């Protein structure tokens, strides 16, 4: 019974995370998780203008 509860909680968490990513991408955010995600310019290296994701 405990395993079923743990699995259900994990499924809910993963589902909510997936829904958040879906909504963010649909609204046009380039850098999800970046504090300035809505205003990041797309860069050639795929990084974010705020410094996250840069190599």
N, C-alpha and C. Protein backbone atom coordinates (compact mmCIF):
# COMPACT_ATOMS: atom_id res chain seq x y z
N UNK A 1 0.82 -1.19 0.00
CA UNK A 1 0.00 0.00 0.00
C UNK A 1 0.86 1.26 0.00
N UNK A 2 1.96 1.25 0.78
CA UNK A 2 2.83 2.42 0.82
C UNK A 2 3.47 2.67 -0.54
N UNK A 3 3.81 1.59 -1.25
CA UNK A 3 4.43 1.74 -2.57
C UNK A 3 3.47 2.42 -3.54
N UNK A 4 2.21 2.09 -3.47
CA UNK A 4 1.22 2.69 -4.36
C UNK A 4 1.08 4.18 -4.07
N UNK A 5 1.15 4.57 -2.83
CA UNK A 5 1.05 5.99 -2.47
C UNK A 5 2.28 6.74 -2.97
N UNK A 6 3.44 6.16 -2.79
CA UNK A 6 4.68 6.79 -3.25
C UNK A 6 4.67 6.94 -4.77
N UNK A 7 4.25 5.90 -5.46
CA UNK A 7 4.17 5.96 -6.93
C UNK A 7 3.17 7.01 -7.37
N UNK A 8 2.03 7.10 -6.71
CA UNK A 8 1.02 8.09 -7.06
C UNK A 8 1.55 9.51 -6.86
N UNK A 9 2.25 9.74 -5.77
CA UNK A 9 2.81 11.06 -5.51
C UNK A 9 3.86 11.41 -6.57
N UNK A 10 4.71 10.47 -6.93
CA UNK A 10 5.72 10.71 -7.97
C UNK A 10 5.07 11.01 -9.31
N UNK A 11 4.02 10.28 -9.65
CA UNK A 11 3.32 10.51 -10.92
C UNK A 11 2.71 11.91 -10.93
N UNK A 12 2.14 12.33 -9.82
CA UNK A 12 1.55 13.67 -9.74
C UNK A 12 2.63 14.74 -9.89
N UNK A 13 3.75 14.57 -9.20
CA UNK A 13 4.84 15.55 -9.28
C UNK A 13 5.39 15.64 -10.71
N UNK A 14 5.62 14.49 -11.34
CA UNK A 14 6.14 14.49 -12.71
C UNK A 14 5.12 15.07 -13.68
N UNK A 15 3.86 14.79 -13.46
CA UNK A 15 2.81 15.34 -14.32
C UNK A 15 2.74 16.85 -14.21
N UNK A 16 2.81 17.37 -12.99
CA UNK A 16 2.78 18.82 -12.80
C UNK A 16 4.02 19.49 -13.41
N UNK A 17 5.17 18.84 -13.29
CA UNK A 17 6.39 19.40 -13.88
C UNK A 17 6.28 19.42 -15.40
N UNK A 18 5.76 18.36 -15.97
CA UNK A 18 5.57 18.31 -17.42
C UNK A 18 4.58 19.36 -17.89
N UNK A 19 3.52 19.56 -17.14
CA UNK A 19 2.52 20.57 -17.49
C UNK A 19 3.11 21.97 -17.41
N UNK A 20 3.96 22.22 -16.41
CA UNK A 20 4.64 23.51 -16.27
C UNK A 20 5.53 23.78 -17.49
N UNK A 21 6.29 22.79 -17.91
CA UNK A 21 7.16 22.94 -19.07
C UNK A 21 6.34 23.17 -20.33
N UNK A 22 5.24 22.44 -20.49
CA UNK A 22 4.36 22.60 -21.64
C UNK A 22 3.81 24.02 -21.71
N UNK A 23 3.32 24.53 -20.58
CA UNK A 23 2.76 25.88 -20.56
C UNK A 23 3.83 26.93 -20.82
N UNK A 24 5.02 26.74 -20.26
CA UNK A 24 6.10 27.71 -20.46
C UNK A 24 6.53 27.76 -21.92
N UNK A 25 6.68 26.61 -22.53
CA UNK A 25 7.07 26.57 -23.94
C UNK A 25 5.98 27.15 -24.83
N UNK A 26 4.74 26.88 -24.50
CA UNK A 26 3.62 27.38 -25.30
C UNK A 26 3.52 28.90 -25.19
N UNK A 27 3.91 29.47 -24.06
CA UNK A 27 3.85 30.92 -23.89
C UNK A 27 5.05 31.61 -24.52
N UNK A 28 6.02 30.85 -25.02
CA UNK A 28 7.14 31.43 -25.75
C UNK A 28 8.40 31.63 -24.96
N UNK A 29 8.49 31.10 -23.76
CA UNK A 29 9.72 31.25 -22.98
C UNK A 29 10.83 30.43 -23.61
N UNK A 30 11.98 31.06 -23.73
CA UNK A 30 13.12 30.36 -24.33
C UNK A 30 13.93 29.61 -23.28
N UNK A 31 14.05 30.20 -22.09
CA UNK A 31 14.85 29.61 -21.03
C UNK A 31 13.94 29.29 -19.84
N UNK A 32 13.48 28.08 -19.75
CA UNK A 32 12.62 27.70 -18.64
C UNK A 32 13.49 27.56 -17.39
N UNK A 33 13.06 28.16 -16.31
CA UNK A 33 13.80 28.11 -15.07
C UNK A 33 14.72 29.30 -14.88
N UNK A 34 14.93 30.06 -15.93
CA UNK A 34 15.75 31.26 -15.85
C UNK A 34 14.90 32.37 -15.25
N UNK A 35 15.44 33.17 -14.33
CA UNK A 35 14.65 34.25 -13.74
C UNK A 35 14.10 35.22 -14.78
N UNK A 36 14.82 35.42 -15.88
CA UNK A 36 14.36 36.31 -16.94
C UNK A 36 13.94 35.50 -18.15
N UNK A 37 13.29 34.36 -17.92
CA UNK A 37 12.96 33.43 -19.00
C UNK A 37 12.12 34.01 -20.10
N UNK A 38 11.25 34.95 -19.79
CA UNK A 38 10.40 35.52 -20.81
C UNK A 38 11.11 36.54 -21.67
N UNK A 39 12.26 37.05 -21.21
CA UNK A 39 12.94 38.08 -21.96
C UNK A 39 14.31 37.64 -22.46
N UNK A 40 14.64 36.37 -22.34
CA UNK A 40 15.92 35.88 -22.85
C UNK A 40 15.90 35.90 -24.37
N UNK A 41 17.01 36.30 -24.97
CA UNK A 41 17.11 36.23 -26.41
C UNK A 41 17.70 34.87 -26.76
N UNK A 42 17.24 34.32 -27.86
CA UNK A 42 17.78 33.02 -28.26
C UNK A 42 19.19 33.23 -28.78
N UNK A 43 20.12 32.45 -28.28
CA UNK A 43 21.51 32.60 -28.67
C UNK A 43 21.91 31.41 -29.52
N UNK A 44 22.98 31.58 -30.27
CA UNK A 44 23.42 30.55 -31.20
C UNK A 44 23.84 29.27 -30.47
N UNK A 45 24.42 29.40 -29.28
CA UNK A 45 24.91 28.22 -28.58
C UNK A 45 23.82 27.53 -27.76
N UNK A 46 22.59 28.04 -27.83
CA UNK A 46 21.50 27.42 -27.08
C UNK A 46 21.45 27.85 -25.64
N UNK A 47 22.36 28.74 -25.22
CA UNK A 47 22.39 29.20 -23.84
C UNK A 47 21.37 30.30 -23.62
N UNK A 48 21.30 30.72 -22.41
CA UNK A 48 20.36 31.76 -22.03
C UNK A 48 21.13 33.05 -21.80
N UNK A 49 20.50 34.18 -22.07
CA UNK A 49 21.16 35.47 -21.91
C UNK A 49 21.45 35.80 -20.46
N UNK A 50 20.81 35.11 -19.51
CA UNK A 50 21.02 35.42 -18.12
C UNK A 50 22.20 34.64 -17.53
N UNK A 51 22.87 33.83 -18.32
CA UNK A 51 24.05 33.14 -17.83
C UNK A 51 23.83 31.66 -17.57
N UNK A 52 22.59 31.22 -17.50
CA UNK A 52 22.33 29.79 -17.28
C UNK A 52 22.44 29.06 -18.61
N UNK A 53 22.93 27.85 -18.55
CA UNK A 53 22.99 27.00 -19.73
C UNK A 53 24.16 27.30 -20.65
N UNK A 54 25.04 28.19 -20.26
CA UNK A 54 26.19 28.49 -21.09
C UNK A 54 27.30 27.52 -20.78
N UNK A 55 28.07 27.19 -21.77
CA UNK A 55 29.15 26.24 -21.61
C UNK A 55 30.43 26.96 -21.31
